[in-house]
Amino acid sequence: MLATLGCPVTMLERSAIVFTLIENAIERATLNEKFTPISEQGFHVINCDANDYIEEQLNAEAAAPDVIYIDPMYPHRKKSALVKKDMQVLQRLHGIDDDPAALLKNALRFAKKRVVVKRPIQAETLDDKKPNTCIKSKKTRYDIYTIAKM
């Protein structure tokens, strides 16, 4: 969605298998001329751990992005019903997120304007940190943390 709105996007994916699937999807998308403006404005995918990437960028004093969007795997459900089959496969391929709370802390250190975290509607906030605002839908919540840097 961000790319279709004209935002340059750098995606980070730590799972080599999921990264390969994303890379393949992007390769197929480039065959459609409607994808050309998106790829020209800056649309990159990098296979790495987001915490490592942020640390490297901070150490290199690289230009910080305005917004960091974090979409960690949802925590295991307490309900007995399983998630849909395609999500079960993705969960098995991806594994458990190491430490999304640490990623939030790093993202808050690095982003210029805000950090957005996608969470299940009933889930606790990451690191018990209260967001500045939330956008809620039926099953999903977007916690928005604004950055107040001097």
N, C-alpha and C. Protein backbone atom coordinates (compact mmCIF):
# COMPACT_ATOMS: atom_id res chain seq x y z
N MET A 1 0.82 -1.19 0.00
CA MET A 1 0.00 0.00 0.00
C MET A 1 0.87 1.26 0.00
N LEU A 2 1.91 1.26 0.81
CA LEU A 2 2.76 2.45 0.88
C LEU A 2 3.40 2.75 -0.47
N ALA A 3 3.84 1.71 -1.15
CA ALA A 3 4.48 1.89 -2.46
C ALA A 3 3.50 2.45 -3.49
N THR A 4 2.25 2.01 -3.44
CA THR A 4 1.27 2.52 -4.40
C THR A 4 0.92 3.98 -4.15
N LEU A 5 1.22 4.47 -2.94
CA LEU A 5 0.98 5.87 -2.61
C LEU A 5 2.17 6.76 -2.95
N GLY A 6 3.23 6.16 -3.52
CA GLY A 6 4.40 6.92 -3.94
C GLY A 6 5.54 6.94 -2.95
N CYS A 7 5.45 6.16 -1.90
CA CYS A 7 6.51 6.12 -0.89
C CYS A 7 7.61 5.15 -1.32
N PRO A 8 8.87 5.54 -1.20
CA PRO A 8 9.93 4.55 -1.41
C PRO A 8 9.87 3.54 -0.27
N VAL A 9 10.08 2.27 -0.59
CA VAL A 9 9.95 1.21 0.41
C VAL A 9 11.19 0.33 0.40
N THR A 10 11.73 0.07 1.58
CA THR A 10 12.77 -0.93 1.77
C THR A 10 12.19 -1.97 2.71
N MET A 11 12.01 -3.18 2.20
CA MET A 11 11.46 -4.27 3.00
C MET A 11 12.60 -5.12 3.53
N LEU A 12 12.50 -5.53 4.78
CA LEU A 12 13.49 -6.41 5.39
C LEU A 12 12.80 -7.71 5.77
N GLU A 13 13.39 -8.83 5.36
CA GLU A 13 12.84 -10.15 5.69
C GLU A 13 13.97 -11.05 6.13
N ARG A 14 13.88 -11.57 7.35
CA ARG A 14 14.98 -12.39 7.88
C ARG A 14 14.94 -13.83 7.40
N SER A 15 13.77 -14.36 7.07
CA SER A 15 13.66 -15.74 6.61
C SER A 15 14.11 -15.83 5.15
N ALA A 16 15.10 -16.68 4.89
CA ALA A 16 15.60 -16.84 3.52
C ALA A 16 14.52 -17.39 2.59
N ILE A 17 13.69 -18.28 3.10
CA ILE A 17 12.63 -18.87 2.27
C ILE A 17 11.58 -17.82 1.94
N VAL A 18 11.11 -17.08 2.94
CA VAL A 18 10.10 -16.05 2.69
C VAL A 18 10.69 -14.95 1.81
N PHE A 19 11.96 -14.59 2.02
CA PHE A 19 12.63 -13.60 1.17
C PHE A 19 12.61 -14.05 -0.29
N THR A 20 12.92 -15.30 -0.54
CA THR A 20 12.93 -15.84 -1.91
C THR A 20 11.53 -15.76 -2.52
N LEU A 21 10.51 -16.05 -1.75
CA LEU A 21 9.13 -15.95 -2.24
C LEU A 21 8.78 -14.50 -2.59
N ILE A 22 9.18 -13.56 -1.74
CA ILE A 22 8.92 -12.14 -2.00
C ILE A 22 9.67 -11.68 -3.24
N GLU A 23 10.93 -12.07 -3.33
CA GLU A 23 11.75 -11.72 -4.49
C GLU A 23 11.13 -12.23 -5.78
N ASN A 24 10.62 -13.46 -5.76
CA ASN A 24 9.95 -14.04 -6.92
C ASN A 24 8.69 -13.26 -7.27
N ALA A 25 7.92 -12.86 -6.27
CA ALA A 25 6.70 -12.08 -6.51
C ALA A 25 7.03 -10.73 -7.14
N ILE A 26 8.09 -10.09 -6.66
CA ILE A 26 8.50 -8.80 -7.22
C ILE A 26 8.97 -8.98 -8.66
N GLU A 27 9.73 -10.03 -8.91
CA GLU A 27 10.20 -10.32 -10.27
C GLU A 27 9.01 -10.49 -11.22
N ARG A 28 7.99 -11.21 -10.79
CA ARG A 28 6.80 -11.40 -11.63
C ARG A 28 6.03 -10.09 -11.77
N ALA A 29 6.01 -9.28 -10.73
CA ALA A 29 5.30 -7.99 -10.79
C ALA A 29 5.94 -7.05 -11.81
N THR A 30 7.26 -7.13 -11.96
CA THR A 30 7.94 -6.24 -12.92
C THR A 30 7.53 -6.54 -14.36
N LEU A 31 6.90 -7.68 -14.61
CA LEU A 31 6.41 -7.99 -15.95
C LEU A 31 5.15 -7.18 -16.28
N ASN A 32 4.54 -6.60 -15.28
CA ASN A 32 3.35 -5.78 -15.46
C ASN A 32 3.78 -4.31 -15.47
N GLU A 33 3.43 -3.60 -16.52
CA GLU A 33 3.86 -2.21 -16.66
C GLU A 33 3.31 -1.30 -15.56
N LYS A 34 2.24 -1.70 -14.90
CA LYS A 34 1.69 -0.90 -13.80
C LYS A 34 2.62 -0.88 -12.59
N PHE A 35 3.54 -1.83 -12.52
CA PHE A 35 4.49 -1.90 -11.41
C PHE A 35 5.69 -0.97 -11.64
N THR A 36 5.90 -0.53 -12.87
CA THR A 36 7.07 0.29 -13.21
C THR A 36 7.22 1.53 -12.33
N PRO A 37 6.16 2.33 -12.13
CA PRO A 37 6.34 3.51 -11.27
C PRO A 37 6.74 3.15 -9.84
N ILE A 38 6.25 2.03 -9.35
CA ILE A 38 6.58 1.60 -7.99
C ILE A 38 8.06 1.23 -7.90
N SER A 39 8.54 0.46 -8.87
CA SER A 39 9.95 0.05 -8.83
C SER A 39 10.88 1.24 -9.06
N GLU A 40 10.45 2.22 -9.85
CA GLU A 40 11.30 3.39 -10.13
C GLU A 40 11.42 4.33 -8.94
N GLN A 41 10.40 4.39 -8.09
CA GLN A 41 10.45 5.32 -6.95
C GLN A 41 11.31 4.77 -5.82
N GLY A 42 11.63 3.48 -5.88
CA GLY A 42 12.44 2.86 -4.84
C GLY A 42 11.66 1.80 -4.11
N PHE A 43 11.87 0.56 -4.50
CA PHE A 43 11.19 -0.57 -3.89
C PHE A 43 12.20 -1.69 -3.80
N HIS A 44 12.71 -1.93 -2.59
CA HIS A 44 13.79 -2.89 -2.41
C HIS A 44 13.41 -3.89 -1.32
N VAL A 45 13.91 -5.11 -1.48
CA VAL A 45 13.75 -6.11 -0.43
C VAL A 45 15.13 -6.65 -0.09
N ILE A 46 15.42 -6.73 1.21
CA ILE A 46 16.73 -7.16 1.69
C ILE A 46 16.53 -8.34 2.64
N ASN A 47 17.35 -9.37 2.45
CA ASN A 47 17.30 -10.54 3.32
C ASN A 47 18.23 -10.32 4.50
N CYS A 48 17.66 -9.89 5.63
CA CYS A 48 18.46 -9.67 6.84
C CYS A 48 17.54 -9.53 8.03
N ASP A 49 18.11 -9.61 9.20
CA ASP A 49 17.37 -9.36 10.43
C ASP A 49 17.22 -7.85 10.61
N ALA A 50 16.02 -7.40 10.90
CA ALA A 50 15.76 -5.96 11.01
C ALA A 50 16.57 -5.30 12.12
N ASN A 51 16.75 -5.99 13.26
CA ASN A 51 17.55 -5.42 14.34
C ASN A 51 19.00 -5.20 13.89
N ASP A 52 19.56 -6.18 13.17
CA ASP A 52 20.93 -6.04 12.68
C ASP A 52 21.02 -4.89 11.68
N TYR A 53 20.05 -4.78 10.80
CA TYR A 53 20.04 -3.72 9.78
C TYR A 53 20.01 -2.34 10.45
N ILE A 54 19.11 -2.18 11.43
CA ILE A 54 19.01 -0.88 12.11
C ILE A 54 20.31 -0.55 12.83
N GLU A 55 20.90 -1.52 13.52
CA GLU A 55 22.17 -1.27 14.21
C GLU A 55 23.26 -0.82 13.22
N GLU A 56 23.34 -1.51 12.07
CA GLU A 56 24.33 -1.13 11.05
C GLU A 56 24.08 0.29 10.55
N GLN A 57 22.83 0.64 10.33
CA GLN A 57 22.50 1.97 9.84
C GLN A 57 22.80 3.04 10.88
N LEU A 58 22.50 2.74 12.15
CA LEU A 58 22.81 3.69 13.22
C LEU A 58 24.32 3.89 13.34
N ASN A 59 25.08 2.79 13.28
CA ASN A 59 26.54 2.89 13.38
C ASN A 59 27.14 3.62 12.20
N ALA A 60 26.54 3.47 11.03
CA ALA A 60 27.03 4.15 9.84
C ALA A 60 26.50 5.58 9.74
N GLU A 61 25.65 5.94 10.71
CA GLU A 61 25.01 7.25 10.71
C GLU A 61 24.31 7.51 9.38
N ALA A 62 23.63 6.48 8.88
CA ALA A 62 22.88 6.57 7.63
C ALA A 62 21.63 7.40 7.84
N ALA A 63 21.10 7.92 6.74
CA ALA A 63 19.88 8.70 6.80
C ALA A 63 18.73 7.83 7.29
N ALA A 64 18.04 8.30 8.30
CA ALA A 64 16.95 7.54 8.88
C ALA A 64 15.68 7.69 8.04
N PRO A 65 14.87 6.64 7.99
CA PRO A 65 13.59 6.75 7.29
C PRO A 65 12.61 7.57 8.11
N ASP A 66 11.63 8.17 7.46
CA ASP A 66 10.58 8.90 8.18
C ASP A 66 9.75 7.93 9.02
N VAL A 67 9.39 6.80 8.42
CA VAL A 67 8.49 5.85 9.06
C VAL A 67 9.08 4.44 9.00
N ILE A 68 8.94 3.71 10.08
CA ILE A 68 9.27 2.28 10.10
C ILE A 68 7.98 1.54 10.44
N TYR A 69 7.63 0.59 9.59
CA TYR A 69 6.44 -0.23 9.78
C TYR A 69 6.90 -1.62 10.16
N ILE A 70 6.45 -2.09 11.33
CA ILE A 70 6.85 -3.40 11.84
C ILE A 70 5.64 -4.33 11.77
N ASP A 71 5.84 -5.47 11.12
CA ASP A 71 4.77 -6.45 10.98
C ASP A 71 5.28 -7.81 11.46
N PRO A 72 5.42 -7.97 12.80
CA PRO A 72 5.93 -9.25 13.31
C PRO A 72 4.87 -10.34 13.17
N MET A 73 5.32 -11.59 13.21
CA MET A 73 4.36 -12.70 13.23
C MET A 73 3.47 -12.52 14.46
N TYR A 74 2.20 -12.79 14.29
CA TYR A 74 1.29 -12.69 15.42
C TYR A 74 1.66 -13.73 16.47
N PRO A 75 1.46 -13.40 17.75
CA PRO A 75 1.73 -14.38 18.80
C PRO A 75 0.75 -15.56 18.67
N HIS A 76 1.12 -16.69 19.26
CA HIS A 76 0.25 -17.86 19.20
C HIS A 76 -1.10 -17.54 19.83
N ARG A 77 -2.14 -18.03 19.19
CA ARG A 77 -3.50 -17.78 19.65
C ARG A 77 -3.84 -18.68 20.82
N LYS A 78 -4.72 -18.19 21.65
CA LYS A 78 -5.20 -18.98 22.78
C LYS A 78 -6.42 -19.80 22.39
N LYS A 79 -7.02 -19.48 21.25
CA LYS A 79 -8.18 -20.22 20.78
C LYS A 79 -7.74 -21.60 20.29
N SER A 80 -8.67 -22.54 20.31
CA SER A 80 -8.33 -23.89 19.86
C SER A 80 -8.34 -23.99 18.33
N ALA A 81 -9.07 -23.11 17.66
CA ALA A 81 -9.13 -23.15 16.19
C ALA A 81 -7.79 -22.69 15.61
N LEU A 82 -7.35 -23.39 14.57
CA LEU A 82 -6.10 -23.02 13.91
C LEU A 82 -6.32 -21.85 12.97
N VAL A 83 -5.24 -21.14 12.67
CA VAL A 83 -5.32 -20.08 11.66
C VAL A 83 -5.47 -20.73 10.29
N LYS A 84 -5.82 -19.94 9.28
CA LYS A 84 -6.02 -20.47 7.94
C LYS A 84 -4.76 -21.18 7.46
N LYS A 85 -4.96 -22.15 6.55
CA LYS A 85 -3.86 -23.01 6.06
C LYS A 85 -2.68 -22.21 5.54
N ASP A 86 -2.94 -21.17 4.72
CA ASP A 86 -1.82 -20.42 4.15
C ASP A 86 -0.99 -19.74 5.24
N MET A 87 -1.65 -19.28 6.30
CA MET A 87 -0.91 -18.67 7.40
C MET A 87 -0.18 -19.72 8.23
N GLN A 88 -0.72 -20.93 8.33
CA GLN A 88 -0.02 -22.00 9.04
C GLN A 88 1.30 -22.31 8.33
N VAL A 89 1.24 -22.35 7.00
CA VAL A 89 2.46 -22.62 6.21
C VAL A 89 3.46 -21.49 6.43
N LEU A 90 3.00 -20.24 6.37
CA LEU A 90 3.89 -19.10 6.56
C LEU A 90 4.51 -19.13 7.96
N GLN A 91 3.73 -19.45 8.97
CA GLN A 91 4.26 -19.53 10.33
C GLN A 91 5.35 -20.59 10.45
N ARG A 92 5.14 -21.72 9.78
CA ARG A 92 6.15 -22.78 9.83
C ARG A 92 7.42 -22.38 9.09
N LEU A 93 7.26 -21.69 7.96
CA LEU A 93 8.42 -21.24 7.19
C LEU A 93 9.20 -20.17 7.94
N HIS A 94 8.49 -19.28 8.56
CA HIS A 94 9.11 -18.12 9.19
C HIS A 94 9.64 -18.40 10.58
N GLY A 95 8.93 -19.21 11.32
CA GLY A 95 9.35 -19.47 12.70
C GLY A 95 8.86 -18.37 13.63
N ILE A 96 9.35 -18.40 14.84
CA ILE A 96 8.94 -17.45 15.85
C ILE A 96 9.83 -16.22 15.77
N ASP A 97 9.22 -15.03 15.89
CA ASP A 97 10.02 -13.80 15.92
C ASP A 97 10.88 -13.80 17.18
N ASP A 98 12.15 -13.46 16.99
CA ASP A 98 13.09 -13.49 18.11
C ASP A 98 12.67 -12.56 19.24
N ASP A 99 12.57 -11.28 18.93
CA ASP A 99 12.27 -10.31 19.97
C ASP A 99 11.67 -9.06 19.34
N PRO A 100 10.36 -9.07 19.07
CA PRO A 100 9.75 -7.89 18.45
C PRO A 100 9.81 -6.66 19.35
N ALA A 101 9.87 -6.83 20.68
CA ALA A 101 9.99 -5.68 21.58
C ALA A 101 11.33 -4.97 21.38
N ALA A 102 12.41 -5.74 21.18
CA ALA A 102 13.71 -5.14 20.90
C ALA A 102 13.69 -4.42 19.57
N LEU A 103 12.98 -4.97 18.59
CA LEU A 103 12.86 -4.31 17.29
C LEU A 103 12.14 -2.98 17.44
N LEU A 104 11.09 -2.93 18.25
CA LEU A 104 10.40 -1.67 18.49
C LEU A 104 11.35 -0.64 19.09
N LYS A 105 12.12 -1.05 20.10
CA LYS A 105 13.08 -0.12 20.73
C LYS A 105 14.07 0.43 19.71
N ASN A 106 14.63 -0.46 18.87
CA ASN A 106 15.58 -0.02 17.85
C ASN A 106 14.92 0.89 16.82
N ALA A 107 13.71 0.54 16.41
CA ALA A 107 12.99 1.34 15.42
C ALA A 107 12.73 2.74 15.97
N LEU A 108 12.37 2.84 17.24
CA LEU A 108 12.12 4.15 17.85
C LEU A 108 13.39 4.99 17.92
N ARG A 109 14.54 4.34 18.03
CA ARG A 109 15.82 5.06 18.03
C ARG A 109 16.18 5.56 16.64
N PHE A 110 15.71 4.86 15.60
CA PHE A 110 16.17 5.11 14.23
C PHE A 110 15.22 5.98 13.41
N ALA A 111 13.92 5.77 13.51
CA ALA A 111 12.95 6.48 12.66
C ALA A 111 12.94 7.97 12.98
N LYS A 112 12.66 8.77 11.94
CA LYS A 112 12.59 10.22 12.12
C LYS A 112 11.25 10.68 12.69
N LYS A 113 10.14 10.11 12.17
CA LYS A 113 8.83 10.65 12.53
C LYS A 113 7.92 9.70 13.29
N ARG A 114 7.86 8.42 12.86
CA ARG A 114 6.96 7.50 13.55
C ARG A 114 7.31 6.06 13.28
N VAL A 115 6.82 5.21 14.18
CA VAL A 115 6.93 3.76 14.03
C VAL A 115 5.51 3.22 14.15
N VAL A 116 5.16 2.34 13.22
CA VAL A 116 3.84 1.71 13.22
C VAL A 116 4.04 0.21 13.41
N VAL A 117 3.26 -0.37 14.35
CA VAL A 117 3.37 -1.80 14.63
C VAL A 117 2.00 -2.44 14.40
N LYS A 118 1.97 -3.46 13.55
CA LYS A 118 0.74 -4.21 13.30
C LYS A 118 0.60 -5.29 14.37
N ARG A 119 -0.56 -5.33 15.01
CA ARG A 119 -0.80 -6.29 16.09
C ARG A 119 -2.21 -6.85 15.98
N PRO A 120 -2.45 -8.04 16.54
CA PRO A 120 -3.83 -8.53 16.65
C PRO A 120 -4.61 -7.58 17.57
N ILE A 121 -5.89 -7.43 17.33
CA ILE A 121 -6.71 -6.45 18.05
C ILE A 121 -6.62 -6.60 19.57
N GLN A 122 -6.57 -7.83 20.08
CA GLN A 122 -6.58 -8.05 21.53
C GLN A 122 -5.18 -8.22 22.14
N ALA A 123 -4.14 -8.16 21.33
CA ALA A 123 -2.78 -8.41 21.82
C ALA A 123 -2.27 -7.27 22.70
N GLU A 124 -1.36 -7.62 23.58
CA GLU A 124 -0.67 -6.61 24.38
C GLU A 124 0.21 -5.77 23.46
N THR A 125 0.51 -4.55 23.87
CA THR A 125 1.46 -3.75 23.10
C THR A 125 2.85 -4.36 23.30
N LEU A 126 3.72 -4.11 22.34
CA LEU A 126 5.10 -4.61 22.47
C LEU A 126 5.79 -3.87 23.60
N ASP A 127 6.49 -4.60 24.42
CA ASP A 127 7.29 -4.05 25.51
C ASP A 127 6.44 -3.22 26.48
N ASP A 128 5.12 -3.45 26.49
CA ASP A 128 4.19 -2.69 27.33
C ASP A 128 4.32 -1.18 27.13
N LYS A 129 4.77 -0.79 25.96
CA LYS A 129 4.93 0.64 25.64
C LYS A 129 3.63 1.15 25.03
N LYS A 130 3.07 2.18 25.63
CA LYS A 130 1.80 2.73 25.18
C LYS A 130 2.01 3.56 23.90
N PRO A 131 1.27 3.24 22.84
CA PRO A 131 1.41 4.03 21.61
C PRO A 131 0.74 5.39 21.76
N ASN A 132 1.12 6.33 20.90
CA ASN A 132 0.50 7.65 20.91
C ASN A 132 -0.93 7.59 20.40
N THR A 133 -1.17 6.69 19.45
CA THR A 133 -2.51 6.49 18.92
C THR A 133 -2.60 5.10 18.30
N CYS A 134 -3.82 4.66 18.04
CA CYS A 134 -4.05 3.36 17.41
C CYS A 134 -5.10 3.51 16.32
N ILE A 135 -4.96 2.69 15.31
CA ILE A 135 -5.99 2.56 14.30
C ILE A 135 -6.44 1.11 14.38
N LYS A 136 -7.76 0.92 14.56
CA LYS A 136 -8.28 -0.44 14.77
C LYS A 136 -9.23 -0.83 13.65
N SER A 137 -9.13 -2.11 13.28
CA SER A 137 -10.11 -2.71 12.39
C SER A 137 -10.71 -3.90 13.14
N LYS A 138 -11.44 -4.76 12.46
CA LYS A 138 -12.12 -5.86 13.13
C LYS A 138 -11.16 -6.80 13.85
N LYS A 139 -10.05 -7.17 13.21
CA LYS A 139 -9.12 -8.15 13.79
C LYS A 139 -7.71 -7.61 14.01
N THR A 140 -7.43 -6.40 13.52
CA THR A 140 -6.06 -5.87 13.54
C THR A 140 -6.02 -4.49 14.17
N ARG A 141 -4.91 -4.22 14.82
CA ARG A 141 -4.68 -2.91 15.41
C ARG A 141 -3.31 -2.41 14.94
N TYR A 142 -3.22 -1.14 14.61
CA TYR A 142 -1.96 -0.52 14.23
C TYR A 142 -1.58 0.46 15.33
N ASP A 143 -0.56 0.12 16.10
CA ASP A 143 -0.07 1.00 17.16
C ASP A 143 0.90 2.00 16.53
N ILE A 144 0.65 3.27 16.77
CA ILE A 144 1.47 4.32 16.17
C ILE A 144 2.21 5.08 17.26
N TYR A 145 3.53 5.08 17.12
CA TYR A 145 4.40 5.78 18.07
C TYR A 145 5.03 6.95 17.32
N THR A 146 4.80 8.16 17.82
CA THR A 146 5.41 9.32 17.19
C THR A 146 6.75 9.62 17.86
N ILE A 147 7.67 10.13 17.08
CA ILE A 147 9.03 10.40 17.54
C ILE A 147 9.17 11.88 17.87
N ALA A 148 9.66 12.16 19.03
CA ALA A 148 9.90 13.54 19.43
C ALA A 148 11.41 13.73 19.57
N LYS A 149 12.08 13.98 18.44
CA LYS A 149 13.54 14.17 18.48
C LYS A 149 13.85 15.65 18.41
N MET A 150 14.86 16.02 19.14
CA MET A 150 15.28 17.43 19.17
C MET A 150 16.29 17.68 18.09
